[in-house]
N, C-alpha and C. Protein backbone atom coordinates (compact mmCIF):
# COMPACT_ATOMS: atom_id res chain seq x y z
N UNK A 1 10.67 -48.99 -198.65
CA UNK A 1 10.55 -47.24 -199.28
C UNK A 1 11.52 -47.27 -200.24
N UNK A 2 11.32 -45.93 -201.31
CA UNK A 2 12.19 -46.26 -202.45
C UNK A 2 13.28 -45.21 -202.26
N UNK A 3 14.10 -45.21 -202.62
CA UNK A 3 15.29 -44.42 -202.62
C UNK A 3 15.07 -43.28 -203.43
N UNK A 4 15.62 -42.17 -202.64
CA UNK A 4 15.30 -40.79 -203.76
C UNK A 4 16.41 -40.83 -204.80
N UNK A 5 15.67 -40.11 -205.91
CA UNK A 5 16.64 -39.76 -207.09
C UNK A 5 16.73 -38.66 -207.91
N UNK A 6 17.73 -38.15 -207.79
CA UNK A 6 18.05 -37.05 -208.63
C UNK A 6 17.55 -37.15 -210.27
N UNK A 7 16.85 -36.54 -210.55
CA UNK A 7 16.14 -36.37 -212.40
C UNK A 7 16.45 -35.07 -212.69
N UNK A 8 16.69 -35.05 -214.01
CA UNK A 8 16.48 -33.52 -214.85
C UNK A 8 15.65 -33.12 -214.89
N UNK A 9 15.72 -31.81 -214.66
CA UNK A 9 14.38 -30.54 -214.66
C UNK A 9 13.21 -31.06 -215.86
N UNK A 10 12.00 -31.36 -215.22
CA UNK A 10 10.76 -31.87 -215.94
C UNK A 10 10.70 -32.99 -216.63
N UNK A 11 11.59 -33.90 -216.07
CA UNK A 11 11.95 -35.38 -216.69
C UNK A 11 10.84 -36.27 -215.64
N UNK A 12 10.63 -35.60 -213.97
CA UNK A 12 10.20 -36.62 -213.15
C UNK A 12 8.69 -36.78 -213.58
N UNK A 13 8.07 -37.70 -212.92
CA UNK A 13 6.95 -38.03 -213.18
C UNK A 13 6.14 -38.01 -211.82
N UNK A 14 4.96 -36.96 -211.76
CA UNK A 14 4.26 -36.55 -210.64
C UNK A 14 2.72 -36.99 -210.78
N UNK A 15 2.53 -37.64 -209.68
CA UNK A 15 1.27 -38.21 -209.51
C UNK A 15 0.01 -36.92 -209.51
N UNK A 16 0.32 -35.91 -209.56
CA UNK A 16 -0.50 -34.93 -209.55
C UNK A 16 -0.84 -34.38 -211.34
N UNK A 17 -1.42 -34.88 -212.08
CA UNK A 17 -1.99 -34.47 -212.97
C UNK A 17 -2.88 -33.41 -213.04
N UNK A 18 -3.16 -32.71 -214.49
CA UNK A 18 -4.22 -31.78 -214.94
C UNK A 18 -5.44 -32.09 -214.51
N UNK A 19 -5.82 -33.69 -214.81
CA UNK A 19 -7.12 -33.99 -214.81
C UNK A 19 -7.45 -34.03 -212.97
N UNK A 20 -6.21 -34.23 -212.01
CA UNK A 20 -6.53 -34.58 -210.80
C UNK A 20 -6.87 -33.23 -210.33
N UNK A 21 -6.30 -32.06 -211.04
CA UNK A 21 -6.44 -30.82 -210.66
C UNK A 21 -7.91 -30.37 -210.48
N UNK A 22 -8.66 -30.79 -211.91
CA UNK A 22 -9.51 -30.10 -212.50
C UNK A 22 -10.83 -30.64 -212.23
N UNK A 23 -10.66 -31.88 -211.83
CA UNK A 23 -11.63 -33.10 -211.31
C UNK A 23 -12.62 -32.45 -210.39
N UNK A 24 -12.36 -31.88 -209.60
CA UNK A 24 -13.12 -31.39 -208.56
C UNK A 24 -13.74 -30.09 -208.26
N UNK A 25 -13.47 -29.27 -209.51
CA UNK A 25 -13.77 -27.78 -209.54
C UNK A 25 -14.90 -27.66 -210.30
N UNK A 26 -15.52 -26.82 -210.57
CA UNK A 26 -16.59 -26.07 -211.45
C UNK A 26 -16.30 -24.98 -211.70
N UNK A 27 -16.85 -24.68 -212.99
CA UNK A 27 -16.83 -23.49 -213.57
C UNK A 27 -18.53 -22.65 -213.83
N UNK A 28 -18.58 -21.57 -213.22
CA UNK A 28 -19.49 -20.84 -213.00
C UNK A 28 -19.74 -19.73 -214.52
N UNK A 29 -21.03 -20.26 -214.97
CA UNK A 29 -21.34 -19.69 -216.26
C UNK A 29 -22.43 -18.58 -215.97
N UNK A 30 -23.38 -18.75 -216.88
CA UNK A 30 -24.37 -17.41 -217.05
C UNK A 30 -25.23 -16.90 -215.61
N UNK A 31 -25.17 -16.05 -215.48
CA UNK A 31 -26.13 -15.73 -214.02
C UNK A 31 -27.52 -14.77 -214.61
N UNK A 32 -28.66 -15.58 -213.83
CA UNK A 32 -29.67 -14.51 -214.37
C UNK A 32 -30.57 -14.56 -213.15
N UNK A 33 -31.44 -13.54 -212.94
CA UNK A 33 -32.21 -12.94 -211.78
C UNK A 33 -33.67 -13.11 -212.24
N UNK A 34 -34.33 -13.74 -211.23
CA UNK A 34 -35.69 -14.03 -211.58
C UNK A 34 -36.71 -13.49 -210.43
N UNK A 35 -37.51 -12.55 -210.00
CA UNK A 35 -37.95 -12.26 -209.00
C UNK A 35 -36.98 -11.92 -207.96
N UNK A 36 -37.01 -12.85 -206.89
CA UNK A 36 -35.90 -12.70 -205.65
C UNK A 36 -34.98 -13.90 -205.49
N UNK A 37 -35.15 -14.63 -206.69
CA UNK A 37 -34.43 -15.88 -206.97
C UNK A 37 -32.89 -15.62 -207.84
N UNK A 38 -31.69 -15.85 -207.76
CA UNK A 38 -30.88 -15.88 -208.72
C UNK A 38 -30.52 -17.49 -208.76
N UNK A 39 -30.09 -17.34 -210.04
CA UNK A 39 -29.95 -18.73 -211.04
C UNK A 39 -28.36 -18.58 -211.53
N UNK A 40 -27.83 -19.56 -211.76
CA UNK A 40 -26.54 -19.89 -212.25
C UNK A 40 -26.54 -20.73 -213.28
N UNK A 41 -25.16 -21.13 -213.75
CA UNK A 41 -24.93 -22.30 -214.60
C UNK A 41 -23.89 -22.65 -214.33
N UNK A 42 -23.51 -23.78 -213.84
CA UNK A 42 -22.17 -24.83 -213.38
C UNK A 42 -22.02 -26.04 -214.40
N UNK A 43 -20.47 -25.51 -214.67
CA UNK A 43 -19.73 -26.45 -215.52
C UNK A 43 -19.22 -27.64 -214.54
N UNK A 44 -19.80 -28.89 -214.68
CA UNK A 44 -19.31 -29.99 -213.65
C UNK A 44 -18.28 -30.98 -214.33
N UNK A 45 -17.14 -30.57 -214.22
CA UNK A 45 -16.13 -32.00 -214.83
C UNK A 45 -16.64 -33.16 -214.09
N UNK A 46 -17.05 -33.32 -212.85
CA UNK A 46 -17.25 -34.42 -212.21
C UNK A 46 -18.59 -35.38 -212.80
N UNK A 47 -19.22 -34.48 -213.52
CA UNK A 47 -20.44 -35.09 -214.89
C UNK A 47 -20.56 -34.97 -215.79
N UNK A 48 -19.14 -35.15 -216.19
CA UNK A 48 -18.67 -35.65 -217.66
C UNK A 48 -18.89 -34.25 -218.46
N UNK A 49 -18.79 -33.18 -217.71
CA UNK A 49 -18.63 -31.63 -218.37
C UNK A 49 -20.15 -31.17 -218.64
N UNK A 50 -21.08 -31.61 -217.80
CA UNK A 50 -22.42 -31.03 -217.52
C UNK A 50 -22.43 -29.96 -217.26
N UNK A 51 -23.83 -29.03 -218.09
CA UNK A 51 -24.14 -28.00 -217.47
C UNK A 51 -25.16 -27.90 -216.64
N UNK A 52 -25.18 -27.39 -215.40
CA UNK A 52 -26.34 -27.63 -214.63
C UNK A 52 -27.18 -26.30 -213.97
N UNK A 53 -27.92 -26.35 -214.40
CA UNK A 53 -28.70 -24.53 -213.99
C UNK A 53 -29.05 -24.96 -212.34
N UNK A 54 -28.39 -23.86 -211.29
CA UNK A 54 -28.66 -24.09 -210.11
C UNK A 54 -29.50 -22.75 -209.92
N UNK A 55 -30.22 -22.73 -208.92
CA UNK A 55 -31.48 -21.85 -208.52
C UNK A 55 -30.86 -21.38 -206.89
N UNK A 56 -30.72 -20.16 -206.28
CA UNK A 56 -30.65 -19.87 -204.90
C UNK A 56 -31.88 -18.69 -204.61
N UNK A 57 -32.69 -19.42 -203.55
CA UNK A 57 -33.76 -18.66 -203.17
C UNK A 57 -33.36 -17.74 -201.69
N UNK A 58 -34.26 -16.82 -201.80
CA UNK A 58 -34.03 -15.62 -200.67
C UNK A 58 -33.12 -16.17 -199.28
N UNK A 59 -33.70 -17.70 -198.91
CA UNK A 59 -33.47 -18.06 -197.49
C UNK A 59 -32.22 -18.75 -197.83
N UNK A 60 -31.59 -18.51 -198.52
CA UNK A 60 -29.93 -19.05 -198.74
C UNK A 60 -29.88 -20.56 -199.48
N UNK A 61 -31.15 -21.12 -199.79
CA UNK A 61 -30.85 -22.50 -200.52
C UNK A 61 -30.68 -22.65 -201.57
N UNK A 62 -29.49 -23.31 -201.89
CA UNK A 62 -29.30 -23.46 -203.32
C UNK A 62 -29.78 -25.13 -203.71
N UNK A 63 -30.38 -24.74 -205.25
CA UNK A 63 -31.13 -26.26 -205.61
C UNK A 63 -30.66 -26.44 -207.17
N UNK A 64 -30.21 -27.81 -207.61
CA UNK A 64 -29.86 -28.09 -208.63
C UNK A 64 -31.49 -28.03 -209.44
N UNK A 65 -31.65 -27.36 -210.34
CA UNK A 65 -33.14 -27.40 -210.86
C UNK A 65 -33.15 -28.04 -212.32
N UNK A 66 -31.88 -28.35 -212.61
CA UNK A 66 -31.83 -29.08 -214.21
C UNK A 66 -31.43 -30.48 -213.95
N UNK A 67 -32.44 -31.62 -213.91
CA UNK A 67 -32.15 -32.75 -213.74
C UNK A 67 -31.04 -33.33 -214.57
N UNK A 68 -30.07 -34.28 -214.17
CA UNK A 68 -29.71 -35.26 -215.05
C UNK A 68 -30.51 -36.08 -216.41
N UNK A 69 -30.20 -36.22 -217.50
CA UNK A 69 -28.91 -36.27 -217.98
C UNK A 69 -29.07 -34.84 -219.00
N UNK A 70 -30.04 -33.67 -218.19
CA UNK A 70 -29.80 -32.53 -219.45
C UNK A 70 -28.99 -31.81 -218.85
N UNK A 71 -28.25 -31.03 -220.15
CA UNK A 71 -27.15 -30.41 -220.13
C UNK A 71 -27.47 -28.98 -220.74
N UNK A 72 -27.49 -27.75 -219.98
CA UNK A 72 -27.55 -26.67 -220.42
C UNK A 72 -26.88 -26.25 -221.32
N UNK A 73 -26.60 -26.49 -222.67
CA UNK A 73 -25.13 -25.77 -223.47
C UNK A 73 -25.84 -26.04 -224.77
N UNK A 74 -25.24 -24.86 -225.75
CA UNK A 74 -25.64 -25.21 -226.72
C UNK A 74 -24.72 -24.66 -228.02
N UNK A 75 -24.33 -25.24 -229.27
CA UNK A 75 -23.36 -25.15 -229.95
C UNK A 75 -23.31 -23.76 -230.48
N UNK A 76 -24.77 -23.01 -230.86
CA UNK A 76 -24.90 -21.78 -231.37
C UNK A 76 -24.02 -20.52 -230.63
N UNK A 77 -24.39 -20.72 -229.06
CA UNK A 77 -23.68 -19.91 -228.55
C UNK A 77 -22.03 -20.27 -227.85
N UNK A 78 -21.55 -20.94 -228.33
CA UNK A 78 -20.34 -21.69 -228.24
C UNK A 78 -19.20 -20.20 -227.73
N UNK A 79 -19.48 -19.26 -228.37
CA UNK A 79 -18.58 -17.98 -228.30
C UNK A 79 -19.31 -16.89 -227.63
N UNK A 80 -20.21 -17.03 -227.09
CA UNK A 80 -20.72 -16.07 -226.50
C UNK A 80 -22.43 -16.36 -226.33
N UNK A 81 -23.18 -15.41 -225.81
CA UNK A 81 -24.67 -15.92 -225.51
C UNK A 81 -25.14 -16.54 -224.36
N UNK A 82 -26.25 -17.13 -224.27
CA UNK A 82 -26.55 -17.76 -223.03
C UNK A 82 -27.46 -19.29 -223.46
N UNK A 83 -27.39 -20.04 -222.73
CA UNK A 83 -27.89 -21.21 -223.08
C UNK A 83 -29.71 -21.51 -222.24
N UNK A 84 -29.86 -20.61 -221.46
CA UNK A 84 -31.13 -20.56 -220.91
C UNK A 84 -31.46 -19.32 -220.27
N UNK A 85 -32.73 -19.07 -220.11
CA UNK A 85 -33.26 -18.16 -219.55
C UNK A 85 -34.40 -18.70 -218.89
N UNK A 86 -34.94 -17.44 -217.58
CA UNK A 86 -35.77 -17.62 -216.68
C UNK A 86 -36.69 -16.67 -216.85
N UNK A 87 -37.83 -17.10 -216.71
CA UNK A 87 -39.12 -16.10 -216.50
C UNK A 87 -40.30 -16.60 -215.72
N UNK A 88 -40.69 -15.75 -214.54
CA UNK A 88 -41.70 -16.23 -213.69
C UNK A 88 -41.48 -17.45 -213.36
N UNK A 89 -40.08 -18.39 -212.62
CA UNK A 89 -39.71 -19.48 -212.42
C UNK A 89 -39.69 -20.43 -213.27
N UNK A 90 -40.00 -20.21 -214.71
CA UNK A 90 -40.16 -21.19 -215.75
C UNK A 90 -38.51 -20.87 -216.68
N UNK A 91 -38.01 -22.05 -216.81
CA UNK A 91 -36.70 -21.97 -217.36
C UNK A 91 -36.81 -22.51 -218.85
N UNK A 92 -36.43 -21.73 -219.73
CA UNK A 92 -35.94 -22.24 -221.02
C UNK A 92 -34.75 -22.60 -221.25
N UNK A 93 -34.34 -23.82 -221.90
CA UNK A 93 -32.57 -23.81 -221.94
C UNK A 93 -32.66 -25.01 -223.52
N UNK A 94 -31.65 -24.70 -223.70
CA UNK A 94 -31.12 -25.76 -224.60
C UNK A 94 -30.20 -26.80 -224.16
N UNK A 95 -31.11 -28.18 -225.00
CA UNK A 95 -30.07 -29.25 -224.25
C UNK A 95 -28.88 -29.54 -225.30
N UNK A 96 -27.66 -29.73 -224.65
CA UNK A 96 -26.72 -29.76 -225.77
C UNK A 96 -26.70 -31.16 -226.50
N UNK A 97 -27.36 -32.16 -225.99
CA UNK A 97 -27.22 -33.72 -226.73
C UNK A 97 -28.22 -33.39 -227.90
N UNK A 98 -29.47 -33.13 -227.90
CA UNK A 98 -30.26 -32.82 -229.09
C UNK A 98 -30.35 -31.61 -229.69
N UNK A 99 -29.77 -30.62 -229.01
CA UNK A 99 -30.21 -29.14 -229.36
C UNK A 99 -31.19 -28.59 -229.71
N UNK A 100 -32.34 -29.32 -228.78
CA UNK A 100 -33.71 -28.92 -228.73
C UNK A 100 -33.83 -27.86 -227.57
N UNK A 101 -34.82 -26.99 -227.70
CA UNK A 101 -35.27 -25.88 -226.81
C UNK A 101 -36.28 -26.82 -225.85
N UNK A 102 -35.86 -26.75 -224.48
CA UNK A 102 -37.18 -27.23 -223.43
C UNK A 102 -37.47 -26.29 -222.40
N UNK A 103 -38.73 -26.49 -222.02
CA UNK A 103 -39.49 -25.88 -220.93
C UNK A 103 -39.23 -26.75 -220.02
N UNK A 104 -38.76 -25.99 -218.81
CA UNK A 104 -38.63 -26.42 -217.16
C UNK A 104 -39.63 -25.65 -216.47
N UNK A 105 -40.87 -25.97 -216.38
CA UNK A 105 -41.92 -25.67 -215.05
C UNK A 105 -41.26 -26.08 -213.63
N UNK A 106 -41.17 -25.20 -212.58
CA UNK A 106 -40.78 -25.77 -211.37
C UNK A 106 -41.91 -27.24 -211.03
N UNK A 107 -41.30 -28.42 -210.75
CA UNK A 107 -42.10 -29.37 -209.98
C UNK A 107 -42.16 -30.41 -211.37
N UNK A 108 -41.62 -30.37 -212.04
CA UNK A 108 -41.97 -31.47 -213.10
C UNK A 108 -40.68 -31.30 -214.33
N UNK A 109 -41.08 -32.22 -215.11
CA UNK A 109 -39.97 -32.58 -215.87
C UNK A 109 -39.81 -31.57 -217.28
N UNK A 110 -38.59 -31.89 -217.79
CA UNK A 110 -38.32 -30.91 -218.88
C UNK A 110 -39.17 -31.52 -220.24
N UNK A 111 -39.76 -30.35 -220.82
CA UNK A 111 -40.71 -30.60 -221.84
C UNK A 111 -39.91 -30.07 -223.28
N UNK A 112 -40.16 -30.73 -224.17
CA UNK A 112 -39.51 -29.93 -225.36
C UNK A 112 -40.52 -29.21 -225.82
N UNK A 113 -39.72 -28.49 -226.84
CA UNK A 113 -40.80 -27.29 -227.21
C UNK A 113 -40.32 -26.97 -228.52
N UNK A 114 -39.44 -27.47 -229.38
CA UNK A 114 -39.03 -27.34 -230.42
C UNK A 114 -38.54 -28.89 -231.24
């Protein structure tokens, strides 16, 4: 066992870093309503900062609807605006990697539209 030491204020090394603190947190983003479903985006540090679109249905089930590696984020709206919209269950989003717009129909893979 190590012997306790007295160190000047602020000079001791902590095993608790800012990375440890934020690695398990998520950031909540844009909320959208479509019929009785609620959608929102989650910024997930554990997935390399990917923005995932999540849907909650009236029965309380929450599901990720945007598959990896897609990332609903755009450089155009970094200071406001939105990276996705939902209409009749279809999601239109900007993918961060290529800045293209995609259509995501339930039960299928995202398809580029630009």
